[in-house]
Amino acid sequence: RRAAVEIEKAFRLKGQSSPYTTGFLFPKQSHTADPDV
């Protein structure tokens, strides 16, 4: 929550992008047929 506020403030008020706002920071998942795995 705290990170979201800081990232949003920088993005919306100062026009500063963050790795969090430019794309996924985790690999695409595969084999997700079983939602528990």
PDB file of all heavy atoms in Angstrom:
ATOM      1  N   ARG A   1       0.832  -1.205   0.000  1.00  0.00           N
ATOM      2  CA  ARG A   1       0.000   0.000   0.000  1.00  0.00           C
ATOM      3  C   ARG A   1       0.866   1.254   0.000  1.00  0.00           C
ATOM      4  O   ARG A   1       0.624   2.192  -0.753  1.00  0.00           O
ATOM      5  CB  ARG A   1      -0.899   0.037   1.228  1.00  0.00           C
ATOM      6  CG  ARG A   1      -2.100  -0.826   1.161  1.00  0.00           C
ATOM      7  CD  ARG A   1      -2.870  -0.659   2.430  1.00  0.00           C
ATOM      8  NE  ARG A   1      -4.182  -1.259   2.326  1.00  0.00           N
ATOM      9  CZ  ARG A   1      -5.019  -1.368   3.331  1.00  0.00           C
ATOM     10  NH1 ARG A   1      -4.677  -0.924   4.523  1.00  0.00           N
ATOM     11  NH2 ARG A   1      -6.180  -1.920   3.162  1.00  0.00           N
ATOM     12  N   ARG A   2       1.874   1.274   0.878  1.00  0.00           N
ATOM     13  CA  ARG A   2       2.760   2.434   0.937  1.00  0.00           C
ATOM     14  C   ARG A   2       3.502   2.625  -0.382  1.00  0.00           C
ATOM     15  O   ARG A   2       3.626   3.746  -0.885  1.00  0.00           O
ATOM     16  CB  ARG A   2       3.757   2.280   2.094  1.00  0.00           C
ATOM     17  CG  ARG A   2       3.155   2.553   3.462  1.00  0.00           C
ATOM     18  CD  ARG A   2       4.214   2.626   4.542  1.00  0.00           C
ATOM     19  NE  ARG A   2       4.887   1.359   4.782  1.00  0.00           N
ATOM     20  CZ  ARG A   2       4.444   0.406   5.575  1.00  0.00           C
ATOM     21  NH1 ARG A   2       3.298   0.556   6.212  1.00  0.00           N
ATOM     22  NH2 ARG A   2       5.112  -0.715   5.733  1.00  0.00           N
ATOM     23  N   ALA A   3       3.984   1.527  -0.940  1.00  0.00           N
ATOM     24  CA  ALA A   3       4.697   1.602  -2.217  1.00  0.00           C
ATOM     25  C   ALA A   3       3.770   2.115  -3.318  1.00  0.00           C
ATOM     26  O   ALA A   3       4.183   2.933  -4.154  1.00  0.00           O
ATOM     27  CB  ALA A   3       5.268   0.241  -2.592  1.00  0.00           C
ATOM     28  N   ALA A   4       2.531   1.662  -3.327  1.00  0.00           N
ATOM     29  CA  ALA A   4       1.575   2.102  -4.340  1.00  0.00           C
ATOM     30  C   ALA A   4       1.369   3.607  -4.278  1.00  0.00           C
ATOM     31  O   ALA A   4       1.346   4.295  -5.308  1.00  0.00           O
ATOM     32  CB  ALA A   4       0.243   1.371  -4.172  1.00  0.00           C
ATOM     33  N   VAL A   5       1.264   4.142  -3.078  1.00  0.00           N
ATOM     34  CA  VAL A   5       1.073   5.587  -2.920  1.00  0.00           C
ATOM     35  C   VAL A   5       2.288   6.341  -3.451  1.00  0.00           C
ATOM     36  O   VAL A   5       2.148   7.313  -4.201  1.00  0.00           O
ATOM     37  CB  VAL A   5       0.811   5.932  -1.435  1.00  0.00           C
ATOM     38  CG1 VAL A   5       0.886   7.440  -1.210  1.00  0.00           C
ATOM     39  CG2 VAL A   5      -0.542   5.394  -0.995  1.00  0.00           C
ATOM     40  N   GLU A   6       3.470   5.895  -3.087  1.00  0.00           N
ATOM     41  CA  GLU A   6       4.685   6.580  -3.526  1.00  0.00           C
ATOM     42  C   GLU A   6       4.877   6.488  -5.040  1.00  0.00           C
ATOM     43  O   GLU A   6       5.233   7.466  -5.694  1.00  0.00           O
ATOM     44  CB  GLU A   6       5.912   6.024  -2.796  1.00  0.00           C
ATOM     45  CG  GLU A   6       5.920   6.337  -1.313  1.00  0.00           C
ATOM     46  CD  GLU A   6       5.795   7.827  -1.018  1.00  0.00           C
ATOM     47  OE1 GLU A   6       6.501   8.630  -1.664  1.00  0.00           O
ATOM     48  OE2 GLU A   6       4.976   8.186  -0.149  1.00  0.00           O
ATOM     49  N   ILE A   7       4.634   5.309  -5.596  1.00  0.00           N
ATOM     50  CA  ILE A   7       4.781   5.117  -7.045  1.00  0.00           C
ATOM     51  C   ILE A   7       3.759   5.969  -7.794  1.00  0.00           C
ATOM     52  O   ILE A   7       4.078   6.623  -8.789  1.00  0.00           O
ATOM     53  CB  ILE A   7       4.656   3.625  -7.415  1.00  0.00           C
ATOM     54  CG1 ILE A   7       5.837   2.843  -6.840  1.00  0.00           C
ATOM     55  CG2 ILE A   7       4.568   3.441  -8.926  1.00  0.00           C
ATOM     56  CD1 ILE A   7       5.645   1.323  -6.871  1.00  0.00           C
ATOM     57  N   GLU A   8       2.518   5.978  -7.308  1.00  0.00           N
ATOM     58  CA  GLU A   8       1.461   6.780  -7.943  1.00  0.00           C
ATOM     59  C   GLU A   8       1.773   8.268  -7.870  1.00  0.00           C
ATOM     60  O   GLU A   8       1.591   8.992  -8.850  1.00  0.00           O
ATOM     61  CB  GLU A   8       0.109   6.511  -7.266  1.00  0.00           C
ATOM     62  CG  GLU A   8      -0.560   5.239  -7.716  1.00  0.00           C
ATOM     63  CD  GLU A   8      -1.254   5.419  -9.050  1.00  0.00           C
ATOM     64  OE1 GLU A   8      -1.959   6.416  -9.274  1.00  0.00           O
ATOM     65  OE2 GLU A   8      -1.077   4.526  -9.886  1.00  0.00           O
ATOM     66  N   LYS A   9       2.219   8.741  -6.718  1.00  0.00           N
ATOM     67  CA  LYS A   9       2.548  10.161  -6.581  1.00  0.00           C
ATOM     68  C   LYS A   9       3.648  10.562  -7.559  1.00  0.00           C
ATOM     69  O   LYS A   9       3.542  11.584  -8.242  1.00  0.00           O
ATOM     70  CB  LYS A   9       2.982  10.479  -5.143  1.00  0.00           C
ATOM     71  CG  LYS A   9       1.820  10.616  -4.213  1.00  0.00           C
ATOM     72  CD  LYS A   9       2.111  10.997  -2.784  1.00  0.00           C
ATOM     73  CE  LYS A   9       3.474  11.269  -2.324  1.00  0.00           C
ATOM     74  NZ  LYS A   9       3.578  11.510  -0.865  1.00  0.00           N
ATOM     75  N   ALA A  10       4.693   9.761  -7.636  1.00  0.00           N
ATOM     76  CA  ALA A  10       5.795  10.068  -8.549  1.00  0.00           C
ATOM     77  C   ALA A  10       5.321  10.044 -10.002  1.00  0.00           C
ATOM     78  O   ALA A  10       5.705  10.906 -10.807  1.00  0.00           O
ATOM     79  CB  ALA A  10       6.943   9.080  -8.345  1.00  0.00           C
ATOM     80  N   PHE A  11       4.467   9.080 -10.335  1.00  0.00           N
ATOM     81  CA  PHE A  11       3.998   8.932 -11.709  1.00  0.00           C
ATOM     82  C   PHE A  11       3.039  10.057 -12.103  1.00  0.00           C
ATOM     83  O   PHE A  11       3.210  10.709 -13.129  1.00  0.00           O
ATOM     84  CB  PHE A  11       3.332   7.562 -11.890  1.00  0.00           C
ATOM     85  CG  PHE A  11       2.851   7.314 -13.285  1.00  0.00           C
ATOM     86  CD1 PHE A  11       3.746   7.027 -14.306  1.00  0.00           C
ATOM     87  CD2 PHE A  11       1.503   7.373 -13.587  1.00  0.00           C
ATOM     88  CE1 PHE A  11       3.310   6.809 -15.601  1.00  0.00           C
ATOM     89  CE2 PHE A  11       1.053   7.148 -14.883  1.00  0.00           C
ATOM     90  CZ  PHE A  11       1.961   6.871 -15.890  1.00  0.00           C
ATOM     91  N   ARG A  12       2.035  10.286 -11.283  1.00  0.00           N
ATOM     92  CA  ARG A  12       0.988  11.244 -11.647  1.00  0.00           C
ATOM     93  C   ARG A  12       1.385  12.707 -11.420  1.00  0.00           C
ATOM     94  O   ARG A  12       0.998  13.577 -12.188  1.00  0.00           O
ATOM     95  CB  ARG A  12      -0.299  10.929 -10.898  1.00  0.00           C
ATOM     96  CG  ARG A  12      -0.909   9.616 -11.354  1.00  0.00           C
ATOM     97  CD  ARG A  12      -2.235   9.357 -10.678  1.00  0.00           C
ATOM     98  NE  ARG A  12      -2.726   8.029 -10.938  1.00  0.00           N
ATOM     99  CZ  ARG A  12      -3.584   7.728 -11.898  1.00  0.00           C
ATOM    100  NH1 ARG A  12      -4.026   8.662 -12.701  1.00  0.00           N
ATOM    101  NH2 ARG A  12      -3.997   6.494 -12.052  1.00  0.00           N
ATOM    102  N   LEU A  13       2.131  12.976 -10.358  1.00  0.00           N
ATOM    103  CA  LEU A  13       2.456  14.364 -10.052  1.00  0.00           C
ATOM    104  C   LEU A  13       3.753  14.846 -10.679  1.00  0.00           C
ATOM    105  O   LEU A  13       3.903  16.017 -10.988  1.00  0.00           O
ATOM    106  CB  LEU A  13       2.523  14.565  -8.530  1.00  0.00           C
ATOM    107  CG  LEU A  13       1.237  14.256  -7.762  1.00  0.00           C
ATOM    108  CD1 LEU A  13       1.456  14.453  -6.261  1.00  0.00           C
ATOM    109  CD2 LEU A  13       0.089  15.131  -8.258  1.00  0.00           C
ATOM    110  N   LYS A  14       4.705  13.921 -10.862  1.00  0.00           N
ATOM    111  CA  LYS A  14       6.011  14.317 -11.376  1.00  0.00           C
ATOM    112  C   LYS A  14       6.340  13.718 -12.740  1.00  0.00           C
ATOM    113  O   LYS A  14       7.382  13.996 -13.301  1.00  0.00           O
ATOM    114  CB  LYS A  14       7.098  13.916 -10.378  1.00  0.00           C
ATOM    115  CG  LYS A  14       6.941  14.570  -9.025  1.00  0.00           C
ATOM    116  CD  LYS A  14       7.975  14.061  -8.053  1.00  0.00           C
ATOM    117  CE  LYS A  14       7.739  14.632  -6.664  1.00  0.00           C
ATOM    118  NZ  LYS A  14       8.640  14.049  -5.672  1.00  0.00           N
ATOM    119  N   GLY A  15       5.465  12.819 -13.228  1.00  0.00           N
ATOM    120  CA  GLY A  15       5.710  12.184 -14.515  1.00  0.00           C
ATOM    121  C   GLY A  15       6.855  11.190 -14.504  1.00  0.00           C
ATOM    122  O   GLY A  15       7.394  10.847 -15.551  1.00  0.00           O
ATOM    123  N   GLN A  16       7.222  10.715 -13.315  1.00  0.00           N
ATOM    124  CA  GLN A  16       8.331   9.770 -13.191  1.00  0.00           C
ATOM    125  C   GLN A  16       7.806   8.333 -13.293  1.00  0.00           C
ATOM    126  O   GLN A  16       6.929   7.937 -12.548  1.00  0.00           O
ATOM    127  CB  GLN A  16       9.033   9.945 -11.839  1.00  0.00           C
ATOM    128  CG  GLN A  16       9.680  11.281 -11.664  1.00  0.00           C
ATOM    129  CD  GLN A  16      10.236  11.470 -10.264  1.00  0.00           C
ATOM    130  OE1 GLN A  16       9.897  10.738  -9.342  1.00  0.00           O
ATOM    131  NE2 GLN A  16      11.087  12.473 -10.113  1.00  0.00           N
ATOM    132  N   SER A  17       8.382   7.595 -14.228  1.00  0.00           N
ATOM    133  CA  SER A  17       7.976   6.195 -14.341  1.00  0.00           C
ATOM    134  C   SER A  17       8.807   5.356 -13.380  1.00  0.00           C
ATOM    135  O   SER A  17       9.804   5.807 -12.833  1.00  0.00           O
ATOM    136  CB  SER A  17       8.138   5.696 -15.772  1.00  0.00           C
ATOM    137  OG  SER A  17       9.489   5.710 -16.138  1.00  0.00           O
ATOM    138  N   SER A  18       8.363   4.148 -13.195  1.00  0.00           N
ATOM    139  CA  SER A  18       9.010   3.191 -12.306  1.00  0.00           C
ATOM    140  C   SER A  18       8.975   1.849 -13.022  1.00  0.00           C
ATOM    141  O   SER A  18       8.095   1.614 -13.856  1.00  0.00           O
ATOM    142  CB  SER A  18       8.201   3.106 -11.001  1.00  0.00           C
ATOM    143  OG  SER A  18       8.458   1.892 -10.323  1.00  0.00           O
ATOM    144  N   PRO A  19       9.893   0.953 -12.714  1.00  0.00           N
ATOM    145  CA  PRO A  19       9.777  -0.382 -13.296  1.00  0.00           C
ATOM    146  C   PRO A  19       8.409  -1.007 -13.007  1.00  0.00           C
ATOM    147  O   PRO A  19       7.888  -1.778 -13.810  1.00  0.00           O
ATOM    148  CB  PRO A  19      10.898  -1.164 -12.622  1.00  0.00           C
ATOM    149  CG  PRO A  19      11.908  -0.145 -12.247  1.00  0.00           C
ATOM    150  CD  PRO A  19      11.107   1.091 -11.894  1.00  0.00           C
ATOM    151  N   TYR A  20       7.794  -0.630 -11.892  1.00  0.00           N
ATOM    152  CA  TYR A  20       6.473  -1.163 -11.529  1.00  0.00           C
ATOM    153  C   TYR A  20       5.379  -0.688 -12.476  1.00  0.00           C
ATOM    154  O   TYR A  20       4.331  -1.326 -12.574  1.00  0.00           O
ATOM    155  CB  TYR A  20       6.110  -0.774 -10.094  1.00  0.00           C
ATOM    156  CG  TYR A  20       6.737  -1.669  -9.063  1.00  0.00           C
ATOM    157  CD1 TYR A  20       8.021  -1.448  -8.617  1.00  0.00           C
ATOM    158  CD2 TYR A  20       6.042  -2.761  -8.533  1.00  0.00           C
ATOM    159  CE1 TYR A  20       8.612  -2.280  -7.682  1.00  0.00           C
ATOM    160  CE2 TYR A  20       6.620  -3.599  -7.601  1.00  0.00           C
ATOM    161  CZ  TYR A  20       7.898  -3.353  -7.181  1.00  0.00           C
ATOM    162  OH  TYR A  20       8.480  -4.189  -6.251  1.00  0.00           O
ATOM    163  N   THR A  21       5.589   0.422 -13.183  1.00  0.00           N
ATOM    164  CA  THR A  21       4.545   0.973 -14.049  1.00  0.00           C
ATOM    165  C   THR A  21       4.782   0.731 -15.534  1.00  0.00           C
ATOM    166  O   THR A  21       3.950   1.109 -16.354  1.00  0.00           O
ATOM    167  CB  THR A  21       4.411   2.501 -13.833  1.00  0.00           C
ATOM    168  OG1 THR A  21       5.648   3.137 -14.175  1.00  0.00           O
ATOM    169  CG2 THR A  21       4.023   2.826 -12.411  1.00  0.00           C
ATOM    170  N   THR A  22       5.900   0.110 -15.885  1.00  0.00           N
ATOM    171  CA  THR A  22       6.224  -0.023 -17.311  1.00  0.00           C
ATOM    172  C   THR A  22       6.050  -1.429 -17.873  1.00  0.00           C
ATOM    173  O   THR A  22       6.194  -1.621 -19.072  1.00  0.00           O
ATOM    174  CB  THR A  22       7.662   0.450 -17.573  1.00  0.00           C
ATOM    175  OG1 THR A  22       8.560  -0.304 -16.763  1.00  0.00           O
ATOM    176  CG2 THR A  22       7.816   1.929 -17.269  1.00  0.00           C
ATOM    177  N   GLY A  23       5.750  -2.398 -17.038  1.00  0.00           N
ATOM    178  CA  GLY A  23       5.562  -3.770 -17.512  1.00  0.00           C
ATOM    179  C   GLY A  23       5.596  -4.736 -16.349  1.00  0.00           C
ATOM    180  O   GLY A  23       5.780  -4.337 -15.193  1.00  0.00           O
ATOM    181  N   PHE A  24       5.419  -5.996 -16.647  1.00  0.00           N
ATOM    182  CA  PHE A  24       5.438  -7.009 -15.595  1.00  0.00           C
ATOM    183  C   PHE A  24       6.863  -7.257 -15.115  1.00  0.00           C
ATOM    184  O   PHE A  24       7.782  -7.372 -15.923  1.00  0.00           O
ATOM    185  CB  PHE A  24       4.824  -8.323 -16.087  1.00  0.00           C
ATOM    186  CG  PHE A  24       3.360  -8.206 -16.406  1.00  0.00           C
ATOM    187  CD1 PHE A  24       2.899  -8.450 -17.681  1.00  0.00           C
ATOM    188  CD2 PHE A  24       2.452  -7.840 -15.428  1.00  0.00           C
ATOM    189  CE1 PHE A  24       1.549  -8.332 -17.983  1.00  0.00           C
ATOM    190  CE2 PHE A  24       1.104  -7.716 -15.714  1.00  0.00           C
ATOM    191  CZ  PHE A  24       0.655  -7.962 -16.993  1.00  0.00           C
ATOM    192  N   LEU A  25       7.027  -7.346 -13.809  1.00  0.00           N
ATOM    193  CA  LEU A  25       8.333  -7.599 -13.209  1.00  0.00           C
ATOM    194  C   LEU A  25       8.511  -9.066 -12.839  1.00  0.00           C
ATOM    195  O   LEU A  25       9.460  -9.417 -12.159  1.00  0.00           O
ATOM    196  CB  LEU A  25       8.517  -6.735 -11.946  1.00  0.00           C
ATOM    197  CG  LEU A  25       8.495  -5.234 -12.185  1.00  0.00           C
ATOM    198  CD1 LEU A  25       8.628  -4.481 -10.870  1.00  0.00           C
ATOM    199  CD2 LEU A  25       9.610  -4.835 -13.135  1.00  0.00           C
ATOM    200  N   PHE A  26       7.600  -9.894 -13.291  1.00  0.00           N
ATOM    201  CA  PHE A  26       7.672 -11.331 -13.020  1.00  0.00           C
ATOM    202  C   PHE A  26       7.442 -12.072 -14.325  1.00  0.00           C
ATOM    203  O   PHE A  26       6.818 -11.544 -15.239  1.00  0.00           O
ATOM    204  CB  PHE A  26       6.657 -11.756 -11.950  1.00  0.00           C
ATOM    205  CG  PHE A  26       5.237 -11.314 -12.228  1.00  0.00           C
ATOM    206  CD1 PHE A  26       4.358 -12.138 -12.908  1.00  0.00           C
ATOM    207  CD2 PHE A  26       4.792 -10.071 -11.808  1.00  0.00           C
ATOM    208  CE1 PHE A  26       3.060 -11.731 -13.164  1.00  0.00           C
ATOM    209  CE2 PHE A  26       3.496  -9.654 -12.049  1.00  0.00           C
ATOM    210  CZ  PHE A  26       2.627 -10.496 -12.734  1.00  0.00           C
ATOM    211  N   PRO A  27       7.986 -13.293 -14.416  1.00  0.00           N
ATOM    212  CA  PRO A  27       7.844 -14.033 -15.675  1.00  0.00           C
ATOM    213  C   PRO A  27       6.404 -14.480 -15.914  1.00  0.00           C
ATOM    214  O   PRO A  27       5.643 -14.685 -14.967  1.00  0.00           O
ATOM    215  CB  PRO A  27       8.762 -15.239 -15.486  1.00  0.00           C
ATOM    216  CG  PRO A  27       8.908 -15.392 -14.021  1.00  0.00           C
ATOM    217  CD  PRO A  27       8.750 -14.025 -13.420  1.00  0.00           C
ATOM    218  N   LYS A  28       6.072 -14.596 -17.177  1.00  0.00           N
ATOM    219  CA  LYS A  28       4.764 -15.113 -17.558  1.00  0.00           C
ATOM    220  C   LYS A  28       4.624 -16.535 -17.034  1.00  0.00           C
ATOM    221  O   LYS A  28       5.539 -17.345 -17.153  1.00  0.00           O
ATOM    222  CB  LYS A  28       4.628 -15.099 -19.080  1.00  0.00           C
ATOM    223  CG  LYS A  28       3.302 -15.572 -19.572  1.00  0.00           C
ATOM    224  CD  LYS A  28       3.236 -15.478 -21.083  1.00  0.00           C
ATOM    225  CE  LYS A  28       1.928 -16.030 -21.586  1.00  0.00           C
ATOM    226  NZ  LYS A  28       1.864 -16.003 -23.042  1.00  0.00           N
ATOM    227  N   GLN A  29       3.493 -16.827 -16.435  1.00  0.00           N
ATOM    228  CA  GLN A  29       3.262 -18.172 -15.921  1.00  0.00           C
ATOM    229  C   GLN A  29       2.718 -19.067 -17.019  1.00  0.00           C
ATOM    230  O   GLN A  29       2.057 -18.612 -17.943  1.00  0.00           O
ATOM    231  CB  GLN A  29       2.267 -18.147 -14.761  1.00  0.00           C
ATOM    232  CG  GLN A  29       2.826 -17.539 -13.520  1.00  0.00           C
ATOM    233  CD  GLN A  29       1.923 -17.792 -12.329  1.00  0.00           C
ATOM    234  OE1 GLN A  29       0.804 -18.251 -12.454  1.00  0.00           O
ATOM    235  NE2 GLN A  29       2.428 -17.495 -11.160  1.00  0.00           N
ATOM    236  N   SER A  30       3.005 -20.339 -16.853  1.00  0.00           N
ATOM    237  CA  SER A  30       2.447 -21.337 -17.757  1.00  0.00           C
ATOM    238  C   SER A  30       1.957 -22.493 -16.910  1.00  0.00           C
ATOM    239  O   SER A  30       2.228 -22.566 -15.724  1.00  0.00           O
ATOM    240  CB  SER A  30       3.506 -21.798 -18.756  1.00  0.00           C
ATOM    241  OG  SER A  30       4.622 -22.327 -18.068  1.00  0.00           O
ATOM    242  N   HIS A  31       1.218 -23.387 -17.519  1.00  0.00           N
ATOM    243  CA  HIS A  31       0.681 -24.554 -16.804  1.00  0.00           C
ATOM    244  C   HIS A  31      -0.135 -24.121 -15.594  1.00  0.00           C
ATOM    245  O   HIS A  31       0.044 -24.634 -14.490  1.00  0.00           O
ATOM    246  CB  HIS A  31       1.801 -25.504 -16.373  1.00  0.00           C
ATOM    247  CG  HIS A  31       2.742 -25.867 -17.477  1.00  0.00           C
ATOM    248  ND1 HIS A  31       2.350 -26.614 -18.559  1.00  0.00           N
ATOM    249  CD2 HIS A  31       4.030 -25.550 -17.677  1.00  0.00           C
ATOM    250  CE1 HIS A  31       3.377 -26.758 -19.379  1.00  0.00           C
ATOM    251  NE2 HIS A  31       4.408 -26.118 -18.872  1.00  0.00           N
ATOM    252  N   THR A  32      -1.039 -23.177 -15.786  1.00  0.00           N
ATOM    253  CA  THR A  32      -1.830 -22.670 -14.676  1.00  0.00           C
ATOM    254  C   THR A  32      -3.215 -23.306 -14.603  1.00  0.00           C
ATOM    255  O   THR A  32      -4.123 -22.758 -13.993  1.00  0.00           O
ATOM    256  CB  THR A  32      -1.982 -21.140 -14.777  1.00  0.00           C
ATOM    257  OG1 THR A  32      -2.581 -20.837 -16.034  1.00  0.00           O
ATOM    258  CG2 THR A  32      -0.656 -20.437 -14.630  1.00  0.00           C
ATOM    259  N   ALA A  33      -3.374 -24.479 -15.191  1.00  0.00           N
ATOM    260  CA  ALA A  33      -4.673 -25.144 -15.168  1.00  0.00           C
ATOM    261  C   ALA A  33      -5.122 -25.436 -13.746  1.00  0.00           C
ATOM    262  O   ALA A  33      -6.297 -25.358 -13.424  1.00  0.00           O
ATOM    263  CB  ALA A  33      -4.633 -26.436 -15.972  1.00  0.00           C
ATOM    264  N   ASP A  34      -4.183 -25.775 -12.859  1.00  0.00           N
ATOM    265  CA  ASP A  34      -4.509 -25.999 -11.459  1.00  0.00           C
ATOM    266  C   ASP A  34      -4.188 -24.723 -10.712  1.00  0.00           C
ATOM    267  O   ASP A  34      -3.025 -24.387 -10.509  1.00  0.00           O
ATOM    268  CB  ASP A  34      -3.694 -27.161 -10.884  1.00  0.00           C
ATOM    269  CG  ASP A  34      -4.036 -27.434  -9.435  1.00  0.00           C
ATOM    270  OD1 ASP A  34      -4.818 -26.694  -8.829  1.00  0.00           O
ATOM    271  OD2 ASP A  34      -3.501 -28.416  -8.902  1.00  0.00           O
ATOM    272  N   PRO A  35      -5.228 -23.970 -10.275  1.00  0.00           N
ATOM    273  CA  PRO A  35      -4.952 -22.694  -9.647  1.00  0.00           C
ATOM    274  C   PRO A  35      -4.209 -22.779  -8.313  1.00  0.00           C
ATOM    275  O   PRO A  35      -3.781 -21.772  -7.806  1.00  0.00           O
ATOM    276  CB  PRO A  35      -6.343 -22.095  -9.453  1.00  0.00           C
ATOM    277  CG  PRO A  35      -7.312 -23.155  -9.687  1.00  0.00           C
ATOM    278  CD  PRO A  35      -6.623 -24.267 -10.415  1.00  0.00           C
ATOM    279  N   ASP A  36      -4.057 -23.966  -7.769  1.00  0.00           N
ATOM    280  CA  ASP A  36      -3.315 -24.109  -6.519  1.00  0.00           C
ATOM    281  C   ASP A  36      -1.836 -24.317  -6.749  1.00  0.00           C
ATOM    282  O   ASP A  36      -1.061 -24.414  -5.795  1.00  0.00           O
ATOM    283  CB  ASP A  36      -3.859 -25.283  -5.702  1.00  0.00           C
ATOM    284  CG  ASP A  36      -5.226 -24.968  -5.132  1.00  0.00           C
ATOM    285  OD1 ASP A  36      -5.522 -23.801  -4.856  1.00  0.00           O
ATOM    286  OD2 ASP A  36      -6.019 -25.906  -4.960  1.00  0.00           O
ATOM    287  N   VAL A  37      -1.412 -24.417  -8.000  1.00  0.00           N
ATOM    288  CA  VAL A  37      -0.010 -24.666  -8.318  1.00  0.00           C
ATOM    289  C   VAL A  37       0.535 -23.530  -9.160  1.00  0.00           C
ATOM    290  O   VAL A  37       0.027 -23.277 -10.245  1.00  0.00           O
ATOM    291  CB  VAL A  37       0.153 -26.011  -9.080  1.00  0.00           C
ATOM    292  CG1 VAL A  37       1.602 -26.244  -9.441  1.00  0.00           C
ATOM    293  CG2 VAL A  37      -0.390 -27.166  -8.265  1.00  0.00           C
TER     294      VAL A  37
END
